[in-house]
Amino acid sequence: MRRGFVLAVVFGLVAATLLGGTFRSQAQDTSSTASPAASPAGSPVGSPVAVAGDVEAGKALASQCLSCHSVDGSQMVGPTWKGLYGHEVELEDGTTVIADEAYLIESIKDPGAKIVKGFPAGAMPPYGAILTDEDIIDIVAYIRSLAGE
């Protein structure tokens, strides 16, 4: 069982690395209407960030994330996105955070900053250098759209 999990994590990391170039080319082909009210790149961690983002562009970008994250609540290598936005998340150290824009942006850029309880550290590579801020805002908009599902 543990061997299967390790293989799944390794496969996910290899796939994410190989698909890194796809994120950029896909992002350049997607016309986004993201209009953030605040720049997440310049925002301090934990500060409120209001972002609009393009849900459809985020969904297209997120298709690459679905090898580790589900949108239907099923257990995978990473936490499900179904109903994640706006809810309390328990971290490995026992603290809790609200899965808002700032948390999601930080988790995409630096996934090791706050590890969700029950999930392995280091399973997700940092996408801050792979995705543009606009890409990340679009993915967050897509995750936010799943809150009511």
N, C-alpha and C. Protein backbone atom coordinates (compact mmCIF):
# COMPACT_ATOMS: atom_id res chain seq x y z
N MET A 1 0.84 -1.19 0.00
CA MET A 1 0.00 0.00 0.00
C MET A 1 0.88 1.25 0.00
N ARG A 2 1.88 1.29 0.89
CA ARG A 2 2.77 2.44 0.97
C ARG A 2 3.55 2.59 -0.33
N ARG A 3 3.97 1.47 -0.93
CA ARG A 3 4.72 1.52 -2.17
C ARG A 3 3.87 2.15 -3.27
N GLY A 4 2.59 1.79 -3.32
CA GLY A 4 1.68 2.37 -4.30
C GLY A 4 1.54 3.87 -4.13
N PHE A 5 1.46 4.30 -2.87
CA PHE A 5 1.34 5.74 -2.58
C PHE A 5 2.59 6.47 -3.03
N VAL A 6 3.76 5.91 -2.71
CA VAL A 6 5.02 6.53 -3.11
C VAL A 6 5.11 6.61 -4.63
N LEU A 7 4.72 5.54 -5.31
CA LEU A 7 4.74 5.55 -6.77
C LEU A 7 3.79 6.62 -7.33
N ALA A 8 2.63 6.77 -6.70
CA ALA A 8 1.67 7.78 -7.14
C ALA A 8 2.25 9.18 -6.97
N VAL A 9 2.91 9.43 -5.84
CA VAL A 9 3.52 10.74 -5.60
C VAL A 9 4.63 11.00 -6.61
N VAL A 10 5.49 10.01 -6.82
CA VAL A 10 6.58 10.16 -7.78
C VAL A 10 6.02 10.42 -9.18
N PHE A 11 5.01 9.64 -9.57
CA PHE A 11 4.38 9.84 -10.88
C PHE A 11 3.82 11.25 -11.00
N GLY A 12 3.15 11.70 -9.96
CA GLY A 12 2.56 13.05 -9.98
C GLY A 12 3.62 14.13 -10.13
N LEU A 13 4.74 13.97 -9.42
CA LEU A 13 5.81 14.96 -9.51
C LEU A 13 6.45 14.96 -10.90
N VAL A 14 6.67 13.76 -11.44
CA VAL A 14 7.24 13.67 -12.78
C VAL A 14 6.28 14.28 -13.80
N ALA A 15 5.00 13.95 -13.68
CA ALA A 15 4.01 14.49 -14.61
C ALA A 15 3.95 16.01 -14.50
N ALA A 16 3.97 16.52 -13.28
CA ALA A 16 3.91 17.97 -13.08
C ALA A 16 5.13 18.65 -13.69
N THR A 17 6.29 18.03 -13.53
CA THR A 17 7.52 18.59 -14.08
C THR A 17 7.47 18.58 -15.61
N LEU A 18 7.05 17.46 -16.17
CA LEU A 18 6.98 17.36 -17.62
C LEU A 18 5.93 18.28 -18.22
N LEU A 19 4.85 18.52 -17.49
CA LEU A 19 3.77 19.35 -18.00
C LEU A 19 3.98 20.83 -17.71
N GLY A 20 5.05 21.17 -17.03
CA GLY A 20 5.31 22.56 -16.69
C GLY A 20 5.30 23.47 -17.90
N GLY A 21 5.91 23.06 -18.99
CA GLY A 21 5.90 23.85 -20.21
C GLY A 21 4.51 23.98 -20.80
N THR A 22 3.69 22.98 -20.59
CA THR A 22 2.32 23.02 -21.10
C THR A 22 1.53 24.11 -20.42
N PHE A 23 1.78 24.33 -19.10
CA PHE A 23 1.09 25.40 -18.40
C PHE A 23 1.33 26.73 -19.10
N ARG A 24 2.59 27.01 -19.42
CA ARG A 24 2.92 28.30 -20.03
C ARG A 24 2.31 28.43 -21.42
N SER A 25 2.43 27.41 -22.25
CA SER A 25 1.89 27.52 -23.59
C SER A 25 0.38 27.61 -23.56
N GLN A 26 -0.25 26.88 -22.65
CA GLN A 26 -1.70 26.92 -22.54
C GLN A 26 -2.14 28.30 -22.04
N ALA A 27 -1.39 28.86 -21.11
CA ALA A 27 -1.74 30.16 -20.56
C ALA A 27 -1.63 31.24 -21.63
N GLN A 28 -0.66 31.13 -22.52
CA GLN A 28 -0.51 32.12 -23.57
C GLN A 28 -1.63 32.02 -24.60
N ASP A 29 -2.21 30.83 -24.78
CA ASP A 29 -3.28 30.64 -25.74
C ASP A 29 -4.64 31.02 -25.17
N THR A 30 -4.73 31.17 -23.87
CA THR A 30 -6.00 31.44 -23.21
C THR A 30 -6.13 32.93 -22.99
N SER A 31 -7.19 33.52 -23.48
CA SER A 31 -7.43 34.94 -23.22
C SER A 31 -8.23 35.05 -21.93
N SER A 32 -7.60 35.62 -20.93
CA SER A 32 -8.21 35.71 -19.62
C SER A 32 -8.71 37.12 -19.37
N THR A 33 -9.78 37.20 -18.61
CA THR A 33 -10.32 38.51 -18.25
C THR A 33 -10.09 38.79 -16.77
N ALA A 34 -9.01 38.24 -16.25
CA ALA A 34 -8.72 38.43 -14.83
C ALA A 34 -8.49 39.90 -14.56
N SER A 35 -9.10 40.39 -13.50
CA SER A 35 -8.89 41.77 -13.10
C SER A 35 -8.81 41.83 -11.59
N PRO A 36 -7.64 41.48 -11.05
CA PRO A 36 -7.51 41.45 -9.60
C PRO A 36 -7.61 42.84 -9.01
N ALA A 37 -8.27 42.92 -7.87
CA ALA A 37 -8.38 44.19 -7.16
C ALA A 37 -7.10 44.48 -6.40
N ALA A 38 -6.33 43.44 -6.12
CA ALA A 38 -5.05 43.60 -5.45
C ALA A 38 -4.08 42.61 -6.06
N SER A 39 -2.82 42.98 -6.12
CA SER A 39 -1.83 42.09 -6.70
C SER A 39 -1.40 41.06 -5.68
N PRO A 40 -1.65 39.76 -5.94
CA PRO A 40 -1.26 38.75 -4.98
C PRO A 40 0.24 38.65 -4.83
N ALA A 41 1.01 38.99 -5.86
CA ALA A 41 2.45 38.88 -5.78
C ALA A 41 3.00 39.84 -4.73
N GLY A 42 2.40 41.02 -4.59
CA GLY A 42 2.90 41.99 -3.64
C GLY A 42 2.20 41.95 -2.30
N SER A 43 1.26 41.06 -2.13
CA SER A 43 0.49 41.01 -0.89
C SER A 43 1.21 40.19 0.16
N PRO A 44 1.22 40.66 1.40
CA PRO A 44 1.81 39.86 2.45
C PRO A 44 1.00 38.59 2.64
N VAL A 45 1.68 37.54 3.05
CA VAL A 45 1.02 36.26 3.29
C VAL A 45 -0.04 36.44 4.36
N GLY A 46 -1.21 35.92 4.11
CA GLY A 46 -2.29 35.99 5.09
C GLY A 46 -3.15 37.23 4.98
N SER A 47 -2.74 38.20 4.13
CA SER A 47 -3.56 39.40 4.00
C SER A 47 -4.72 39.10 3.05
N PRO A 48 -5.86 39.77 3.26
CA PRO A 48 -6.98 39.54 2.36
C PRO A 48 -6.64 39.97 0.94
N VAL A 49 -7.00 39.17 -0.01
CA VAL A 49 -6.75 39.47 -1.40
C VAL A 49 -8.05 39.26 -2.15
N ALA A 50 -8.52 40.30 -2.82
CA ALA A 50 -9.73 40.17 -3.62
C ALA A 50 -9.32 39.94 -5.07
N VAL A 51 -9.70 38.82 -5.62
CA VAL A 51 -9.35 38.51 -6.99
C VAL A 51 -10.60 38.13 -7.76
N ALA A 52 -10.61 38.50 -9.02
CA ALA A 52 -11.74 38.11 -9.87
C ALA A 52 -11.38 36.81 -10.56
N GLY A 53 -10.51 36.87 -11.53
CA GLY A 53 -10.08 35.67 -12.24
C GLY A 53 -11.11 35.20 -13.25
N ASP A 54 -10.65 34.37 -14.16
CA ASP A 54 -11.46 33.80 -15.22
C ASP A 54 -11.66 32.32 -14.91
N VAL A 55 -12.87 31.95 -14.52
CA VAL A 55 -13.17 30.58 -14.10
C VAL A 55 -12.86 29.58 -15.21
N GLU A 56 -13.25 29.88 -16.43
CA GLU A 56 -13.03 28.93 -17.54
C GLU A 56 -11.54 28.76 -17.84
N ALA A 57 -10.78 29.85 -17.80
CA ALA A 57 -9.33 29.75 -18.00
C ALA A 57 -8.72 28.95 -16.85
N GLY A 58 -9.20 29.20 -15.63
CA GLY A 58 -8.71 28.46 -14.47
C GLY A 58 -9.02 26.98 -14.58
N LYS A 59 -10.20 26.66 -15.08
CA LYS A 59 -10.59 25.25 -15.26
C LYS A 59 -9.66 24.58 -16.27
N ALA A 60 -9.35 25.27 -17.36
CA ALA A 60 -8.44 24.71 -18.37
C ALA A 60 -7.05 24.49 -17.78
N LEU A 61 -6.55 25.46 -17.04
CA LEU A 61 -5.24 25.31 -16.41
C LEU A 61 -5.26 24.21 -15.37
N ALA A 62 -6.34 24.13 -14.61
CA ALA A 62 -6.43 23.16 -13.51
C ALA A 62 -6.55 21.73 -13.99
N SER A 63 -6.87 21.53 -15.25
CA SER A 63 -6.96 20.16 -15.75
C SER A 63 -5.65 19.42 -15.51
N GLN A 64 -4.56 20.14 -15.45
CA GLN A 64 -3.25 19.54 -15.19
C GLN A 64 -3.08 19.20 -13.71
N CYS A 65 -3.85 19.84 -12.86
CA CYS A 65 -3.75 19.62 -11.41
C CYS A 65 -4.55 18.41 -10.95
N LEU A 66 -5.46 17.96 -11.82
CA LEU A 66 -6.41 16.93 -11.41
C LEU A 66 -5.82 15.53 -11.36
N SER A 67 -4.54 15.40 -11.63
CA SER A 67 -3.89 14.11 -11.40
C SER A 67 -3.63 13.91 -9.91
N CYS A 68 -3.69 14.99 -9.14
CA CYS A 68 -3.47 14.91 -7.69
C CYS A 68 -4.64 15.45 -6.86
N HIS A 69 -5.44 16.35 -7.42
CA HIS A 69 -6.57 16.96 -6.71
C HIS A 69 -7.87 16.56 -7.38
N SER A 70 -8.89 16.27 -6.58
CA SER A 70 -10.20 15.94 -7.14
C SER A 70 -11.13 17.15 -7.03
N VAL A 71 -12.19 17.12 -7.81
CA VAL A 71 -13.23 18.15 -7.71
C VAL A 71 -14.56 17.52 -7.29
N ASP A 72 -14.52 16.23 -6.95
CA ASP A 72 -15.74 15.53 -6.56
C ASP A 72 -15.70 15.02 -5.12
N GLY A 73 -14.67 15.40 -4.37
CA GLY A 73 -14.56 14.98 -2.98
C GLY A 73 -13.79 13.70 -2.77
N SER A 74 -13.39 13.03 -3.84
CA SER A 74 -12.67 11.77 -3.67
C SER A 74 -11.24 12.02 -3.18
N GLN A 75 -10.71 11.03 -2.46
CA GLN A 75 -9.37 11.10 -1.87
C GLN A 75 -8.32 10.86 -2.95
N MET A 76 -7.35 11.76 -3.02
CA MET A 76 -6.24 11.61 -3.96
C MET A 76 -4.95 12.01 -3.23
N VAL A 77 -3.89 12.20 -3.98
CA VAL A 77 -2.60 12.59 -3.39
C VAL A 77 -2.71 13.93 -2.67
N GLY A 78 -3.44 14.87 -3.27
CA GLY A 78 -3.64 16.19 -2.68
C GLY A 78 -5.08 16.36 -2.23
N PRO A 79 -5.34 17.40 -1.46
CA PRO A 79 -6.71 17.66 -0.97
C PRO A 79 -7.70 17.90 -2.12
N THR A 80 -8.94 17.51 -1.90
CA THR A 80 -9.98 17.78 -2.89
C THR A 80 -10.27 19.27 -2.93
N TRP A 81 -10.70 19.74 -4.07
CA TRP A 81 -11.09 21.14 -4.21
C TRP A 81 -12.58 21.32 -4.01
N LYS A 82 -13.33 20.24 -3.98
CA LYS A 82 -14.79 20.34 -3.82
C LYS A 82 -15.10 20.95 -2.46
N GLY A 83 -15.77 22.08 -2.46
CA GLY A 83 -16.17 22.73 -1.21
C GLY A 83 -15.02 23.27 -0.38
N LEU A 84 -13.83 23.34 -0.95
CA LEU A 84 -12.66 23.81 -0.20
C LEU A 84 -12.74 25.30 0.11
N TYR A 85 -13.05 26.10 -0.90
CA TYR A 85 -13.00 27.55 -0.75
C TYR A 85 -13.93 28.04 0.36
N GLY A 86 -13.38 28.88 1.23
CA GLY A 86 -14.16 29.49 2.30
C GLY A 86 -14.31 28.63 3.54
N HIS A 87 -13.80 27.42 3.50
CA HIS A 87 -13.93 26.53 4.64
C HIS A 87 -12.63 26.45 5.44
N GLU A 88 -12.78 26.03 6.67
CA GLU A 88 -11.64 25.87 7.55
C GLU A 88 -10.87 24.61 7.16
N VAL A 89 -9.54 24.73 7.14
CA VAL A 89 -8.66 23.63 6.79
C VAL A 89 -7.73 23.38 7.98
N GLU A 90 -7.65 22.13 8.42
CA GLU A 90 -6.73 21.79 9.50
C GLU A 90 -5.36 21.47 8.90
N LEU A 91 -4.34 22.08 9.49
CA LEU A 91 -2.98 21.88 9.01
C LEU A 91 -2.27 20.81 9.83
N GLU A 92 -1.16 20.34 9.31
CA GLU A 92 -0.38 19.27 9.94
C GLU A 92 0.04 19.64 11.36
N ASP A 93 0.30 20.93 11.62
CA ASP A 93 0.74 21.36 12.95
C ASP A 93 -0.42 21.56 13.93
N GLY A 94 -1.65 21.27 13.50
CA GLY A 94 -2.81 21.38 14.37
C GLY A 94 -3.54 22.71 14.28
N THR A 95 -2.94 23.69 13.64
CA THR A 95 -3.62 24.98 13.47
C THR A 95 -4.63 24.87 12.33
N THR A 96 -5.47 25.88 12.22
CA THR A 96 -6.44 25.90 11.13
C THR A 96 -6.35 27.22 10.38
N VAL A 97 -6.73 27.18 9.14
CA VAL A 97 -6.79 28.38 8.29
C VAL A 97 -8.09 28.31 7.49
N ILE A 98 -8.50 29.46 7.01
CA ILE A 98 -9.64 29.52 6.10
C ILE A 98 -9.08 29.47 4.67
N ALA A 99 -9.63 28.63 3.85
CA ALA A 99 -9.18 28.49 2.46
C ALA A 99 -9.75 29.63 1.62
N ASP A 100 -9.14 30.81 1.78
CA ASP A 100 -9.55 31.99 1.02
C ASP A 100 -8.55 32.22 -0.11
N GLU A 101 -8.68 33.34 -0.81
CA GLU A 101 -7.78 33.63 -1.93
C GLU A 101 -6.32 33.63 -1.51
N ALA A 102 -6.02 34.32 -0.41
CA ALA A 102 -4.62 34.43 0.04
C ALA A 102 -4.03 33.05 0.34
N TYR A 103 -4.79 32.20 1.02
CA TYR A 103 -4.31 30.85 1.35
C TYR A 103 -4.10 30.04 0.07
N LEU A 104 -5.04 30.09 -0.86
CA LEU A 104 -4.92 29.30 -2.09
C LEU A 104 -3.75 29.78 -2.94
N ILE A 105 -3.57 31.09 -3.05
CA ILE A 105 -2.44 31.63 -3.81
C ILE A 105 -1.13 31.17 -3.18
N GLU A 106 -1.03 31.28 -1.87
CA GLU A 106 0.19 30.84 -1.18
C GLU A 106 0.41 29.35 -1.39
N SER A 107 -0.65 28.56 -1.33
CA SER A 107 -0.53 27.11 -1.46
C SER A 107 -0.08 26.70 -2.86
N ILE A 108 -0.46 27.46 -3.86
CA ILE A 108 -0.02 27.17 -5.22
C ILE A 108 1.43 27.60 -5.41
N LYS A 109 1.76 28.79 -4.92
CA LYS A 109 3.12 29.31 -5.09
C LYS A 109 4.14 28.59 -4.20
N ASP A 110 3.76 28.30 -2.97
CA ASP A 110 4.66 27.68 -1.99
C ASP A 110 3.90 26.63 -1.19
N PRO A 111 3.65 25.46 -1.79
CA PRO A 111 2.80 24.45 -1.14
C PRO A 111 3.36 23.93 0.18
N GLY A 112 4.63 24.11 0.42
CA GLY A 112 5.22 23.65 1.68
C GLY A 112 4.99 24.60 2.84
N ALA A 113 4.44 25.78 2.57
CA ALA A 113 4.25 26.78 3.63
C ALA A 113 3.23 26.32 4.66
N LYS A 114 2.17 25.68 4.21
CA LYS A 114 1.11 25.19 5.11
C LYS A 114 0.65 23.83 4.59
N ILE A 115 1.03 22.78 5.29
CA ILE A 115 0.70 21.41 4.87
C ILE A 115 -0.63 21.00 5.49
N VAL A 116 -1.56 20.57 4.65
CA VAL A 116 -2.87 20.11 5.13
C VAL A 116 -2.68 18.78 5.85
N LYS A 117 -3.33 18.66 6.99
CA LYS A 117 -3.22 17.44 7.80
C LYS A 117 -3.64 16.23 6.98
N GLY A 118 -2.81 15.19 7.06
CA GLY A 118 -3.10 13.95 6.37
C GLY A 118 -2.50 13.85 4.97
N PHE A 119 -1.81 14.91 4.54
CA PHE A 119 -1.21 14.90 3.21
C PHE A 119 0.30 15.08 3.35
N PRO A 120 1.08 14.45 2.46
CA PRO A 120 2.53 14.48 2.59
C PRO A 120 3.14 15.83 2.20
N ALA A 121 4.14 16.25 2.97
CA ALA A 121 4.90 17.44 2.61
C ALA A 121 5.73 17.10 1.37
N GLY A 122 5.90 18.06 0.51
CA GLY A 122 6.75 17.88 -0.66
C GLY A 122 6.08 17.17 -1.83
N ALA A 123 4.82 16.81 -1.70
CA ALA A 123 4.14 16.10 -2.80
C ALA A 123 3.86 17.04 -3.97
N MET A 124 3.64 18.32 -3.67
CA MET A 124 3.33 19.29 -4.73
C MET A 124 4.51 20.23 -4.91
N PRO A 125 4.98 20.35 -6.14
CA PRO A 125 6.07 21.30 -6.38
C PRO A 125 5.53 22.73 -6.35
N PRO A 126 6.39 23.71 -6.06
CA PRO A 126 5.94 25.10 -6.07
C PRO A 126 5.72 25.57 -7.51
N TYR A 127 4.55 26.12 -7.77
CA TYR A 127 4.21 26.57 -9.12
C TYR A 127 4.37 28.07 -9.31
N GLY A 128 4.90 28.78 -8.31
CA GLY A 128 5.09 30.22 -8.42
C GLY A 128 6.02 30.61 -9.55
N ALA A 129 6.99 29.76 -9.88
CA ALA A 129 7.93 30.05 -10.96
C ALA A 129 7.45 29.50 -12.30
N ILE A 130 6.41 28.68 -12.28
CA ILE A 130 5.90 28.05 -13.51
C ILE A 130 4.69 28.80 -14.05
N LEU A 131 3.80 29.16 -13.15
CA LEU A 131 2.56 29.84 -13.54
C LEU A 131 2.70 31.34 -13.35
N THR A 132 2.02 32.10 -14.17
CA THR A 132 1.98 33.55 -13.97
C THR A 132 1.00 33.86 -12.84
N ASP A 133 1.06 35.08 -12.31
CA ASP A 133 0.09 35.49 -11.29
C ASP A 133 -1.33 35.39 -11.84
N GLU A 134 -1.50 35.75 -13.10
CA GLU A 134 -2.82 35.68 -13.74
C GLU A 134 -3.31 34.23 -13.80
N ASP A 135 -2.41 33.30 -14.15
CA ASP A 135 -2.78 31.88 -14.17
C ASP A 135 -3.26 31.43 -12.80
N ILE A 136 -2.51 31.82 -11.77
CA ILE A 136 -2.84 31.42 -10.41
C ILE A 136 -4.18 32.00 -9.99
N ILE A 137 -4.42 33.26 -10.32
CA ILE A 137 -5.70 33.90 -9.99
C ILE A 137 -6.85 33.17 -10.70
N ASP A 138 -6.62 32.75 -11.94
CA ASP A 138 -7.66 32.02 -12.67
C ASP A 138 -7.93 30.66 -12.03
N ILE A 139 -6.89 29.97 -11.59
CA ILE A 139 -7.09 28.68 -10.91
C ILE A 139 -7.84 28.88 -9.61
N VAL A 140 -7.50 29.93 -8.87
CA VAL A 140 -8.21 30.23 -7.62
C VAL A 140 -9.68 30.53 -7.91
N ALA A 141 -9.96 31.25 -8.99
CA ALA A 141 -11.35 31.53 -9.36
C ALA A 141 -12.09 30.22 -9.64
N TYR A 142 -11.43 29.28 -10.29
CA TYR A 142 -12.06 27.98 -10.56
C TYR A 142 -12.32 27.23 -9.25
N ILE A 143 -11.34 27.20 -8.35
CA ILE A 143 -11.53 26.53 -7.06
C ILE A 143 -12.68 27.20 -6.30
N ARG A 144 -12.73 28.53 -6.33
CA ARG A 144 -13.81 29.26 -5.67
C ARG A 144 -15.16 28.87 -6.26
N SER A 145 -15.21 28.63 -7.57
CA SER A 145 -16.48 28.26 -8.22
C SER A 145 -16.98 26.89 -7.76
N LEU A 146 -16.10 26.08 -7.21
CA LEU A 146 -16.48 24.74 -6.73
C LEU A 146 -17.02 24.77 -5.31
N ALA A 147 -17.01 25.93 -4.67
CA ALA A 147 -17.42 26.03 -3.26
C ALA A 147 -18.87 25.63 -3.06
N GLY A 148 -19.73 25.93 -4.01
CA GLY A 148 -21.15 25.63 -3.85
C GLY A 148 -21.54 24.24 -4.30
N GLU A 149 -20.59 23.48 -4.81
CA GLU A 149 -20.92 22.14 -5.33
C GLU A 149 -20.88 21.09 -4.26
